[in-house]
Amino acid sequence: MAKIYVIHENDEWLEPLRLAFADQALPYEEWFLSDGTLAFSSEPPRGVYYNRMSASSHTRGHRYGPEFTAAVLAWLEMHGRRVVNNGRALQLEVSKIAQYAALARHGIRTPRTAAAVGREHILEVAREFSRPFITKHNRAGKGLGVRLIHDLDALKQYVDSDGFEEPVDGITLIQEYIRAPEPFITRVEFVGGKFMYAVRVDTSLGFELCPADVCEVSDALCPVGDTAAAVASAPVSGTPRFRIVKDFDHPIIERYQRFIADNGIEVAGIEFIADATGALYTYDVNTNTNYNGAAEAEAGIFAMREVARHLGKELSESR
């Protein structure tokens, strides 16, 4: 019997989708792709495949999950299987430089960015940026490696120290700092290529902005569910860190929809920040998107249910 196959590497992040599958009585199977084997000469089972491999898999001990998933997706696509968030989507998930190049082709503004491999080259390219600026990892997720740097001396101290965070792909990004009039960013969610909702995310506690209800314990600034310490789940203002924006409407949505359609992406969260003039800068595309349960409950909107519904529709049409 054909079913939905979910490709992933994080059991905890999958729980909301499991509940949605059960609620909608959808047949599914999980493929946990941390390691394993691929019988390339065999034929994959019939069904719909949903790729949820994460750029941050290495932080959970799954260093080669994305590489293994890329091989599996190539095999599935060779056999004409229906893949939601395909091999091209995975390419963008694991490289912000690839994201920015693809966004630029759609006329979507991104912050000025440079890439460097090697600590001495990080210092070299940073001299060309106004201060302050941001460093981040090219392959990251969860805001890994994001630091606000106020001067070159501080950067040199950081890159020369034992505390320097080496990116898993070796590529550190130096990026202009976009000064927002208020401390928040906006994340827009798409399911089945269509806009679902926008969520306003308070950044007053830091840059690790994973919206999932279950995040790694080490993510001190990552907001989680009811089990989180109060300091990690709410900003200083006391208002929820994640809040869905009612009736969000902006021309950027149409551009994002064209962008994801052209890049094999159907389920995604895209983040942008606005400066004091109202200019929008898009800085992250998450094809392994998670949702904040408290924000969704408050708004009465549940994206993972829509993901399950979309996969169920694709499964029905593939039979």
C-alpha atoms as a PDB file:
ATOM      1  CA  MET A   1       0.000   0.000   0.000  1.00  0.00           C
ATOM      2  CA  ALA A   2       1.283   3.460  -0.892  1.00  0.00           C
ATOM      3  CA  LYS A   3       1.945   5.701   2.076  1.00  0.00           C
ATOM      4  CA  ILE A   4       3.637   8.916   3.166  1.00  0.00           C
ATOM      5  CA  TYR A   5       7.346   8.563   3.926  1.00  0.00           C
ATOM      6  CA  VAL A   6       8.835  11.180   6.235  1.00  0.00           C
ATOM      7  CA  ILE A   7      12.597  11.680   5.914  1.00  0.00           C
ATOM      8  CA  HIS A   8      14.054  13.241   9.071  1.00  0.00           C
ATOM      9  CA  GLU A   9      16.689  13.043  11.835  1.00  0.00           C
ATOM     10  CA  ASN A  10      14.911  14.450  14.886  1.00  0.00           C
ATOM     11  CA  ASP A  11      12.221  12.405  16.652  1.00  0.00           C
ATOM     12  CA  GLU A  12      11.136  15.237  18.936  1.00  0.00           C
ATOM     13  CA  TRP A  13      10.455  17.677  16.102  1.00  0.00           C
ATOM     14  CA  LEU A  14       8.249  15.086  14.388  1.00  0.00           C
ATOM     15  CA  GLU A  15       5.762  14.562  17.208  1.00  0.00           C
ATOM     16  CA  PRO A  16       3.256  17.257  16.075  1.00  0.00           C
ATOM     17  CA  LEU A  17       3.200  15.718  12.589  1.00  0.00           C
ATOM     18  CA  ARG A  18       2.628  12.234  14.001  1.00  0.00           C
ATOM     19  CA  LEU A  19      -0.393  13.564  15.889  1.00  0.00           C
ATOM     20  CA  ALA A  20      -1.726  15.219  12.724  1.00  0.00           C
ATOM     21  CA  PHE A  21      -1.305  11.988  10.739  1.00  0.00           C
ATOM     22  CA  ALA A  22      -3.174  10.042  13.417  1.00  0.00           C
ATOM     23  CA  ASP A  23      -5.971  12.615  13.528  1.00  0.00           C
ATOM     24  CA  GLN A  24      -6.415  12.391   9.761  1.00  0.00           C
ATOM     25  CA  ALA A  25      -5.908   8.590   9.617  1.00  0.00           C
ATOM     26  CA  LEU A  26      -3.072   8.898   7.102  1.00  0.00           C
ATOM     27  CA  PRO A  27      -0.709   5.956   6.521  1.00  0.00           C
ATOM     28  CA  TYR A  28       2.916   6.897   6.993  1.00  0.00           C
ATOM     29  CA  GLU A  29       6.388   5.584   7.699  1.00  0.00           C
ATOM     30  CA  GLU A  30       9.433   7.350   9.066  1.00  0.00           C
ATOM     31  CA  TRP A  31      12.872   7.162   7.471  1.00  0.00           C
ATOM     32  CA  PHE A  32      15.411   8.263  10.059  1.00  0.00           C
ATOM     33  CA  LEU A  33      18.417   9.178   7.918  1.00  0.00           C
ATOM     34  CA  SER A  34      21.307   9.740  10.266  1.00  0.00           C
ATOM     35  CA  ASP A  35      23.263   6.874   8.725  1.00  0.00           C
ATOM     36  CA  GLY A  36      22.508   3.587   6.978  1.00  0.00           C
ATOM     37  CA  THR A  37      22.654   2.130   3.487  1.00  0.00           C
ATOM     38  CA  LEU A  38      21.045   2.857   0.126  1.00  0.00           C
ATOM     39  CA  ALA A  39      20.373   0.019  -2.329  1.00  0.00           C
ATOM     40  CA  PHE A  40      20.658   2.322  -5.328  1.00  0.00           C
ATOM     41  CA  SER A  41      19.872  -0.393  -7.905  1.00  0.00           C
ATOM     42  CA  SER A  42      16.555  -1.195  -6.187  1.00  0.00           C
ATOM     43  CA  GLU A  43      13.246   0.626  -6.732  1.00  0.00           C
ATOM     44  CA  PRO A  44      11.813   2.774  -3.928  1.00  0.00           C
ATOM     45  CA  PRO A  45       8.338   1.987  -2.613  1.00  0.00           C
ATOM     46  CA  ARG A  46       5.371   3.824  -4.046  1.00  0.00           C
ATOM     47  CA  GLY A  47       4.143   6.821  -2.117  1.00  0.00           C
ATOM     48  CA  VAL A  48       4.787  10.450  -1.282  1.00  0.00           C
ATOM     49  CA  TYR A  49       8.070  11.458   0.339  1.00  0.00           C
ATOM     50  CA  TYR A  50       8.391  14.445   2.657  1.00  0.00           C
ATOM     51  CA  ASN A  51      11.943  15.665   3.243  1.00  0.00           C
ATOM     52  CA  ARG A  52      12.457  17.204   6.705  1.00  0.00           C
ATOM     53  CA  MET A  53      16.246  16.911   6.902  1.00  0.00           C
ATOM     54  CA  SER A  54      17.694  19.776   8.904  1.00  0.00           C
ATOM     55  CA  ALA A  55      20.786  21.922   8.422  1.00  0.00           C
ATOM     56  CA  SER A  56      21.380  21.651  12.184  1.00  0.00           C
ATOM     57  CA  SER A  57      21.491  17.826  12.173  1.00  0.00           C
ATOM     58  CA  HIS A  58      25.183  17.844  13.108  1.00  0.00           C
ATOM     59  CA  THR A  59      24.313  19.436  16.471  1.00  0.00           C
ATOM     60  CA  ARG A  60      22.432  16.228  17.336  1.00  0.00           C
ATOM     61  CA  GLY A  61      25.269  13.897  16.317  1.00  0.00           C
ATOM     62  CA  HIS A  62      23.952  13.332  12.780  1.00  0.00           C
ATOM     63  CA  ARG A  63      26.857  14.846  10.895  1.00  0.00           C
ATOM     64  CA  TYR A  64      26.177  13.265   7.513  1.00  0.00           C
ATOM     65  CA  GLY A  65      22.367  13.233   7.580  1.00  0.00           C
ATOM     66  CA  PRO A  66      22.023  15.908   4.856  1.00  0.00           C
ATOM     67  CA  GLU A  67      24.587  14.213   2.602  1.00  0.00           C
ATOM     68  CA  PHE A  68      22.884  10.841   3.002  1.00  0.00           C
ATOM     69  CA  THR A  69      19.495  12.460   2.392  1.00  0.00           C
ATOM     70  CA  ALA A  70      20.799  14.101  -0.797  1.00  0.00           C
ATOM     71  CA  ALA A  71      21.730  10.644  -2.109  1.00  0.00           C
ATOM     72  CA  VAL A  72      18.336   9.214  -1.154  1.00  0.00           C
ATOM     73  CA  LEU A  73      16.470  12.114  -2.787  1.00  0.00           C
ATOM     74  CA  ALA A  74      18.481  11.697  -5.992  1.00  0.00           C
ATOM     75  CA  TRP A  75      17.441   8.023  -6.017  1.00  0.00           C
ATOM     76  CA  LEU A  76      13.780   8.862  -5.392  1.00  0.00           C
ATOM     77  CA  GLU A  77      13.703  11.550  -8.061  1.00  0.00           C
ATOM     78  CA  MET A  78      15.426   9.246 -10.564  1.00  0.00           C
ATOM     79  CA  HIS A  79      12.466   6.889 -10.139  1.00  0.00           C
ATOM     80  CA  GLY A  80       9.917   9.693 -10.471  1.00  0.00           C
ATOM     81  CA  ARG A  81       8.673   9.532  -6.902  1.00  0.00           C
ATOM     82  CA  ARG A  82       6.720  12.489  -5.551  1.00  0.00           C
ATOM     83  CA  VAL A  83       9.026  14.382  -3.196  1.00  0.00           C
ATOM     84  CA  VAL A  84       7.821  17.314  -1.114  1.00  0.00           C
ATOM     85  CA  ASN A  85      10.826  19.601  -0.526  1.00  0.00           C
ATOM     86  CA  ASN A  86      13.069  17.928  -3.070  1.00  0.00           C
ATOM     87  CA  GLY A  87      16.809  17.768  -3.646  1.00  0.00           C
ATOM     88  CA  ARG A  88      17.005  21.409  -4.676  1.00  0.00           C
ATOM     89  CA  ALA A  89      15.183  22.409  -1.480  1.00  0.00           C
ATOM     90  CA  LEU A  90      17.770  20.466   0.520  1.00  0.00           C
ATOM     91  CA  GLN A  91      20.595  22.306  -1.267  1.00  0.00           C
ATOM     92  CA  LEU A  92      19.133  25.597  -0.058  1.00  0.00           C
ATOM     93  CA  GLU A  93      18.488  24.268   3.451  1.00  0.00           C
ATOM     94  CA  VAL A  94      22.192  23.609   4.026  1.00  0.00           C
ATOM     95  CA  SER A  95      23.679  26.758   2.472  1.00  0.00           C
ATOM     96  CA  LYS A  96      22.729  30.352   3.178  1.00  0.00           C
ATOM     97  CA  ILE A  97      24.909  31.524   0.281  1.00  0.00           C
ATOM     98  CA  ALA A  98      22.876  29.295  -2.046  1.00  0.00           C
ATOM     99  CA  GLN A  99      19.712  30.751  -0.502  1.00  0.00           C
ATOM    100  CA  TYR A 100      20.841  34.316  -1.089  1.00  0.00           C
ATOM    101  CA  ALA A 101      21.780  33.586  -4.705  1.00  0.00           C
ATOM    102  CA  ALA A 102      18.365  32.044  -5.364  1.00  0.00           C
ATOM    103  CA  LEU A 103      16.557  34.898  -3.589  1.00  0.00           C
ATOM    104  CA  ALA A 104      18.495  37.469  -5.618  1.00  0.00           C
ATOM    105  CA  ARG A 105      17.319  35.850  -8.837  1.00  0.00           C
ATOM    106  CA  HIS A 106      13.794  36.744  -7.730  1.00  0.00           C
ATOM    107  CA  GLY A 107      14.683  40.318  -6.861  1.00  0.00           C
ATOM    108  CA  ILE A 108      14.457  39.662  -3.117  1.00  0.00           C
ATOM    109  CA  ARG A 109      16.819  41.834  -1.079  1.00  0.00           C
ATOM    110  CA  THR A 110      19.250  40.132   1.317  1.00  0.00           C
ATOM    111  CA  PRO A 111      21.780  41.732   3.686  1.00  0.00           C
ATOM    112  CA  ARG A 112      25.232  42.431   2.301  1.00  0.00           C
ATOM    113  CA  THR A 113      27.198  39.243   2.972  1.00  0.00           C
ATOM    114  CA  ALA A 114      30.705  37.835   2.503  1.00  0.00           C
ATOM    115  CA  ALA A 115      31.892  34.252   2.983  1.00  0.00           C
ATOM    116  CA  ALA A 116      35.244  33.194   4.380  1.00  0.00           C
ATOM    117  CA  VAL A 117      37.048  29.921   5.031  1.00  0.00           C
ATOM    118  CA  GLY A 118      39.896  30.240   7.516  1.00  0.00           C
ATOM    119  CA  ARG A 119      40.138  32.503  10.556  1.00  0.00           C
ATOM    120  CA  GLU A 120      42.560  34.941   8.929  1.00  0.00           C
ATOM    121  CA  HIS A 121      40.184  35.417   6.002  1.00  0.00           C
ATOM    122  CA  ILE A 122      37.275  36.162   8.344  1.00  0.00           C
ATOM    123  CA  LEU A 123      39.274  39.078   9.727  1.00  0.00           C
ATOM    124  CA  GLU A 124      40.283  40.136   6.222  1.00  0.00           C
ATOM    125  CA  VAL A 125      36.766  40.452   4.785  1.00  0.00           C
ATOM    126  CA  ALA A 126      35.342  41.932   8.006  1.00  0.00           C
ATOM    127  CA  ARG A 127      37.489  45.033   7.506  1.00  0.00           C
ATOM    128  CA  GLU A 128      35.280  45.912   4.534  1.00  0.00           C
ATOM    129  CA  PHE A 129      32.106  46.041   6.662  1.00  0.00           C
ATOM    130  CA  SER A 130      30.691  48.903   8.702  1.00  0.00           C
ATOM    131  CA  ARG A 131      30.421  48.215  12.408  1.00  0.00           C
ATOM    132  CA  PRO A 132      28.618  46.555  14.027  1.00  0.00           C
ATOM    133  CA  PHE A 133      28.210  43.460  11.835  1.00  0.00           C
ATOM    134  CA  ILE A 134      27.114  39.863  12.324  1.00  0.00           C
ATOM    135  CA  THR A 135      28.964  36.581  11.945  1.00  0.00           C
ATOM    136  CA  LYS A 136      27.032  33.376  11.312  1.00  0.00           C
ATOM    137  CA  HIS A 137      27.465  29.895   9.891  1.00  0.00           C
ATOM    138  CA  ASN A 138      26.678  29.181   6.255  1.00  0.00           C
ATOM    139  CA  ARG A 139      25.207  25.808   7.243  1.00  0.00           C
ATOM    140  CA  ALA A 140      23.506  26.322  10.527  1.00  0.00           C
ATOM    141  CA  GLY A 141      19.896  26.208  11.699  1.00  0.00           C
ATOM    142  CA  LYS A 142      18.691  27.467  15.105  1.00  0.00           C
ATOM    143  CA  GLY A 143      20.768  30.629  14.756  1.00  0.00           C
ATOM    144  CA  LEU A 144      24.036  28.724  15.140  1.00  0.00           C
ATOM    145  CA  GLY A 145      27.145  30.859  15.221  1.00  0.00           C
ATOM    146  CA  VAL A 146      25.278  34.169  15.130  1.00  0.00           C
ATOM    147  CA  ARG A 147      27.224  36.893  16.937  1.00  0.00           C
ATOM    148  CA  LEU A 148      26.880  40.639  16.890  1.00  0.00           C
ATOM    149  CA  ILE A 149      30.394  42.102  16.576  1.00  0.00           C
ATOM    150  CA  HIS A 150      30.972  45.754  17.468  1.00  0.00           C
ATOM    151  CA  ASP A 151      34.592  46.187  16.403  1.00  0.00           C
ATOM    152  CA  LEU A 152      37.486  44.372  14.747  1.00  0.00           C
ATOM    153  CA  ASP A 153      39.329  43.841  18.018  1.00  0.00           C
ATOM    154  CA  ALA A 154      36.344  41.942  19.393  1.00  0.00           C
ATOM    155  CA  LEU A 155      36.204  39.829  16.225  1.00  0.00           C
ATOM    156  CA  LYS A 156      39.923  39.034  16.431  1.00  0.00           C
ATOM    157  CA  GLN A 157      39.561  38.021  20.073  1.00  0.00           C
ATOM    158  CA  TYR A 158      36.698  35.721  19.122  1.00  0.00           C
ATOM    159  CA  VAL A 159      38.251  34.021  16.093  1.00  0.00           C
ATOM    160  CA  ASP A 160      41.574  33.539  17.909  1.00  0.00           C
ATOM    161  CA  SER A 161      39.936  32.029  20.988  1.00  0.00           C
ATOM    162  CA  ASP A 162      39.082  28.439  21.868  1.00  0.00           C
ATOM    163  CA  GLY A 163      35.462  29.581  21.933  1.00  0.00           C
ATOM    164  CA  PHE A 164      35.385  30.173  18.183  1.00  0.00           C
ATOM    165  CA  GLU A 165      32.546  28.113  16.697  1.00  0.00           C
ATOM    166  CA  GLU A 166      33.882  26.307  13.638  1.00  0.00           C
ATOM    167  CA  PRO A 167      31.110  25.955  11.015  1.00  0.00           C
ATOM    168  CA  VAL A 168      30.415  22.374  10.001  1.00  0.00           C
ATOM    169  CA  ASP A 169      31.084  23.225   6.327  1.00  0.00           C
ATOM    170  CA  GLY A 170      33.993  25.532   7.211  1.00  0.00           C
ATOM    171  CA  ILE A 171      32.248  28.641   5.839  1.00  0.00           C
ATOM    172  CA  THR A 172      31.719  31.634   8.109  1.00  0.00           C
ATOM    173  CA  LEU A 173      29.543  34.482   6.885  1.00  0.00           C
ATOM    174  CA  ILE A 174      30.114  38.144   7.686  1.00  0.00           C
ATOM    175  CA  GLN A 175      26.919  40.094   7.247  1.00  0.00           C
ATOM    176  CA  GLU A 176      25.810  43.681   7.622  1.00  0.00           C
ATOM    177  CA  TYR A 177      23.770  44.365  10.713  1.00  0.00           C
ATOM    178  CA  ILE A 178      20.251  45.562   9.905  1.00  0.00           C
ATOM    179  CA  ARG A 179      19.169  47.934  12.647  1.00  0.00           C
ATOM    180  CA  ALA A 180      15.444  47.481  13.225  1.00  0.00           C
ATOM    181  CA  PRO A 181      13.439  50.218  14.977  1.00  0.00           C
ATOM    182  CA  GLU A 182      11.992  47.525  17.283  1.00  0.00           C
ATOM    183  CA  PRO A 183      13.586  44.218  18.409  1.00  0.00           C
ATOM    184  CA  PHE A 184      11.677  41.730  16.296  1.00  0.00           C
ATOM    185  CA  ILE A 185      11.840  39.801  13.055  1.00  0.00           C
ATOM    186  CA  THR A 186       9.009  38.338  10.968  1.00  0.00           C
ATOM    187  CA  ARG A 187       8.780  34.731   9.847  1.00  0.00           C
ATOM    188  CA  VAL A 188       6.265  33.760   7.164  1.00  0.00           C
ATOM    189  CA  GLU A 189       5.090  30.168   6.834  1.00  0.00           C
ATOM    190  CA  PHE A 190       4.140  28.366   3.628  1.00  0.00           C
ATOM    191  CA  VAL A 191       2.469  24.973   3.248  1.00  0.00           C
ATOM    192  CA  GLY A 192       1.834  23.417  -0.152  1.00  0.00           C
ATOM    193  CA  GLY A 193       3.467  26.490  -1.662  1.00  0.00           C
ATOM    194  CA  LYS A 194       0.753  28.731  -0.228  1.00  0.00           C
ATOM    195  CA  PHE A 195       1.032  31.380   2.472  1.00  0.00           C
ATOM    196  CA  MET A 196      -0.279  30.183   5.854  1.00  0.00           C
ATOM    197  CA  TYR A 197       0.558  32.922   8.341  1.00  0.00           C
ATOM    198  CA  ALA A 198       3.201  35.349   9.572  1.00  0.00           C
ATOM    199  CA  VAL A 199       4.651  35.240  13.063  1.00  0.00           C
ATOM    200  CA  ARG A 200       6.359  38.117  14.843  1.00  0.00           C
ATOM    201  CA  VAL A 201       9.381  36.921  16.821  1.00  0.00           C
ATOM    202  CA  ASP A 202      10.800  39.002  19.663  1.00  0.00           C
ATOM    203  CA  THR A 203      14.618  39.097  19.429  1.00  0.00           C
ATOM    204  CA  SER A 204      15.337  40.836  22.710  1.00  0.00           C
ATOM    205  CA  LEU A 205      16.770  37.634  24.213  1.00  0.00           C
ATOM    206  CA  GLY A 206      19.082  36.784  21.322  1.00  0.00           C
ATOM    207  CA  PHE A 207      19.349  35.205  17.910  1.00  0.00           C
ATOM    208  CA  GLU A 208      18.569  31.505  18.467  1.00  0.00           C
ATOM    209  CA  LEU A 209      15.058  31.639  17.066  1.00  0.00           C
ATOM    210  CA  CYS A 210      13.993  28.002  16.734  1.00  0.00           C
ATOM    211  CA  PRO A 211      10.180  28.060  17.010  1.00  0.00           C
ATOM    212  CA  ALA A 212       9.746  24.380  17.871  1.00  0.00           C
ATOM    213  CA  ASP A 213       8.077  23.407  21.137  1.00  0.00           C
ATOM    214  CA  VAL A 214      10.977  21.038  21.772  1.00  0.00           C
ATOM    215  CA  CYS A 215      14.522  22.319  21.215  1.00  0.00           C
ATOM    216  CA  GLU A 216      17.949  21.197  22.314  1.00  0.00           C
ATOM    217  CA  VAL A 217      18.715  21.720  25.995  1.00  0.00           C
ATOM    218  CA  SER A 218      21.860  23.625  25.058  1.00  0.00           C
ATOM    219  CA  ASP A 219      19.817  26.282  23.255  1.00  0.00           C
ATOM    220  CA  ALA A 220      19.525  28.597  26.229  1.00  0.00           C
ATOM    221  CA  LEU A 221      17.761  31.233  24.154  1.00  0.00           C
ATOM    222  CA  CYS A 222      15.618  28.860  22.117  1.00  0.00           C
ATOM    223  CA  PRO A 223      11.936  29.217  23.086  1.00  0.00           C
ATOM    224  CA  VAL A 224      10.216  25.947  23.910  1.00  0.00           C
ATOM    225  CA  GLY A 225       6.928  24.776  25.362  1.00  0.00           C
ATOM    226  CA  ASP A 226       5.543  24.678  28.883  1.00  0.00           C
ATOM    227  CA  THR A 227       8.603  22.831  30.187  1.00  0.00           C
ATOM    228  CA  ALA A 228      10.925  25.739  29.411  1.00  0.00           C
ATOM    229  CA  ALA A 229      12.309  28.040  32.041  1.00  0.00           C
ATOM    230  CA  ALA A 230      10.479  31.346  32.017  1.00  0.00           C
ATOM    231  CA  VAL A 231      13.601  33.238  31.007  1.00  0.00           C
ATOM    232  CA  ALA A 232      13.899  31.122  27.861  1.00  0.00           C
ATOM    233  CA  SER A 233      10.276  31.302  26.794  1.00  0.00           C
ATOM    234  CA  ALA A 234       9.397  34.975  27.144  1.00  0.00           C
ATOM    235  CA  PRO A 235      11.184  38.243  26.419  1.00  0.00           C
ATOM    236  CA  VAL A 236      11.864  40.915  28.975  1.00  0.00           C
ATOM    237  CA  SER A 237       8.637  42.695  28.048  1.00  0.00           C
ATOM    238  CA  GLY A 238       6.576  39.765  29.337  1.00  0.00           C
ATOM    239  CA  THR A 239       4.701  39.362  26.044  1.00  0.00           C
ATOM    240  CA  PRO A 240       4.940  36.056  24.140  1.00  0.00           C
ATOM    241  CA  ARG A 241       8.132  35.701  22.173  1.00  0.00           C
ATOM    242  CA  PHE A 242       6.201  34.236  19.224  1.00  0.00           C
ATOM    243  CA  ARG A 243       2.929  35.812  18.132  1.00  0.00           C
ATOM    244  CA  ILE A 244       1.002  35.175  14.914  1.00  0.00           C
ATOM    245  CA  VAL A 245       0.148  38.400  13.074  1.00  0.00           C
ATOM    246  CA  LYS A 246      -3.518  38.606  12.120  1.00  0.00           C
ATOM    247  CA  ASP A 247      -4.323  39.399   8.473  1.00  0.00           C
ATOM    248  CA  PHE A 248      -0.682  39.870   7.450  1.00  0.00           C
ATOM    249  CA  ASP A 249      -0.497  41.213   3.905  1.00  0.00           C
ATOM    250  CA  HIS A 250       2.609  42.373   2.069  1.00  0.00           C
ATOM    251  CA  PRO A 251       3.819  42.241  -1.569  1.00  0.00           C
ATOM    252  CA  ILE A 252       6.818  40.154  -0.444  1.00  0.00           C
ATOM    253  CA  ILE A 253       4.503  37.145  -0.052  1.00  0.00           C
ATOM    254  CA  GLU A 254       3.936  36.879  -3.807  1.00  0.00           C
ATOM    255  CA  ARG A 255       7.692  37.029  -4.454  1.00  0.00           C
ATOM    256  CA  TYR A 256       8.339  34.365  -1.837  1.00  0.00           C
ATOM    257  CA  GLN A 257       5.728  32.106  -3.433  1.00  0.00           C
ATOM    258  CA  ARG A 258       7.410  32.402  -6.822  1.00  0.00           C
ATOM    259  CA  PHE A 259      10.796  31.797  -5.218  1.00  0.00           C
ATOM    260  CA  ILE A 260       9.779  28.596  -3.432  1.00  0.00           C
ATOM    261  CA  ALA A 261       7.890  27.287  -6.477  1.00  0.00           C
ATOM    262  CA  ASP A 262      11.016  27.692  -8.614  1.00  0.00           C
ATOM    263  CA  ASN A 263      13.200  25.880  -6.085  1.00  0.00           C
ATOM    264  CA  GLY A 264      11.296  22.696  -5.270  1.00  0.00           C
ATOM    265  CA  ILE A 265      10.094  24.019  -1.908  1.00  0.00           C
ATOM    266  CA  GLU A 266       6.531  23.427  -0.700  1.00  0.00           C
ATOM    267  CA  VAL A 267       6.830  23.725   3.076  1.00  0.00           C
ATOM    268  CA  ALA A 268       9.004  26.543   4.420  1.00  0.00           C
ATOM    269  CA  GLY A 269       9.456  29.335   6.924  1.00  0.00           C
ATOM    270  CA  ILE A 270      11.166  32.457   5.563  1.00  0.00           C
ATOM    271  CA  GLU A 271      12.530  35.144   7.884  1.00  0.00           C
ATOM    272  CA  PHE A 272      12.981  38.836   7.207  1.00  0.00           C
ATOM    273  CA  ILE A 273      13.782  42.000   9.113  1.00  0.00           C
ATOM    274  CA  ALA A 274      12.768  45.588   8.323  1.00  0.00           C
ATOM    275  CA  ASP A 275      15.011  48.596   8.882  1.00  0.00           C
ATOM    276  CA  ALA A 276      13.943  52.071  10.013  1.00  0.00           C
ATOM    277  CA  THR A 277      12.917  53.014   6.460  1.00  0.00           C
ATOM    278  CA  GLY A 278      10.691  49.960   6.116  1.00  0.00           C
ATOM    279  CA  ALA A 279      13.056  48.202   3.688  1.00  0.00           C
ATOM    280  CA  LEU A 280      12.849  44.409   4.021  1.00  0.00           C
ATOM    281  CA  TYR A 281      15.912  42.155   4.174  1.00  0.00           C
ATOM    282  CA  THR A 282      15.400  38.401   3.851  1.00  0.00           C
ATOM    283  CA  TYR A 283      18.096  36.464   5.674  1.00  0.00           C
ATOM    284  CA  ASP A 284      16.962  32.861   6.203  1.00  0.00           C
ATOM    285  CA  VAL A 285      14.953  30.156   4.437  1.00  0.00           C
ATOM    286  CA  ASN A 286      13.986  27.136   6.560  1.00  0.00           C
ATOM    287  CA  THR A 287      12.774  24.154   4.546  1.00  0.00           C
ATOM    288  CA  ASN A 288      12.650  22.032   7.700  1.00  0.00           C
ATOM    289  CA  THR A 289      10.182  24.336   9.355  1.00  0.00           C
ATOM    290  CA  ASN A 290       8.772  23.964  12.875  1.00  0.00           C
ATOM    291  CA  TYR A 291       5.920  25.768  14.580  1.00  0.00           C
ATOM    292  CA  ASN A 292       5.349  27.271  18.002  1.00  0.00           C
ATOM    293  CA  GLY A 293       2.410  25.561  19.697  1.00  0.00           C
ATOM    294  CA  ALA A 294       1.549  28.404  22.055  1.00  0.00           C
ATOM    295  CA  ALA A 295       1.381  30.965  19.245  1.00  0.00           C
ATOM    296  CA  GLU A 296      -0.745  28.658  17.100  1.00  0.00           C
ATOM    297  CA  ALA A 297      -3.126  27.858  19.955  1.00  0.00           C
ATOM    298  CA  GLU A 298      -3.621  31.556  20.639  1.00  0.00           C
ATOM    299  CA  ALA A 299      -4.421  32.219  16.966  1.00  0.00           C
ATOM    300  CA  GLY A 300      -6.357  29.002  16.340  1.00  0.00           C
ATOM    301  CA  ILE A 301      -4.154  28.106  13.348  1.00  0.00           C
ATOM    302  CA  PHE A 302      -2.234  24.826  13.163  1.00  0.00           C
ATOM    303  CA  ALA A 303       0.275  24.549  10.355  1.00  0.00           C
ATOM    304  CA  MET A 304       1.322  20.934  10.960  1.00  0.00           C
ATOM    305  CA  ARG A 305      -2.271  19.852  10.404  1.00  0.00           C
ATOM    306  CA  GLU A 306      -2.124  21.625   7.059  1.00  0.00           C
ATOM    307  CA  VAL A 307       1.168  19.884   6.261  1.00  0.00           C
ATOM    308  CA  ALA A 308      -0.486  16.515   6.940  1.00  0.00           C
ATOM    309  CA  ARG A 309      -3.495  17.518   4.861  1.00  0.00           C
ATOM    310  CA  HIS A 310      -1.247  18.544   1.966  1.00  0.00           C
ATOM    311  CA  LEU A 311       0.666  15.262   2.115  1.00  0.00           C
ATOM    312  CA  GLY A 312      -2.589  13.309   2.296  1.00  0.00           C
ATOM    313  CA  LYS A 313      -3.897  15.102  -0.797  1.00  0.00           C
ATOM    314  CA  GLU A 314      -0.678  14.359  -2.688  1.00  0.00           C
ATOM    315  CA  LEU A 315      -0.867  10.715  -1.632  1.00  0.00           C
ATOM    316  CA  SER A 316      -4.463  10.432  -2.846  1.00  0.00           C
ATOM    317  CA  GLU A 317      -3.576  11.966  -6.198  1.00  0.00           C
ATOM    318  CA  SER A 318      -0.533   9.716  -6.647  1.00  0.00           C
ATOM    319  CA  ARG A 319      -2.508   6.464  -6.431  1.00  0.00           C
END
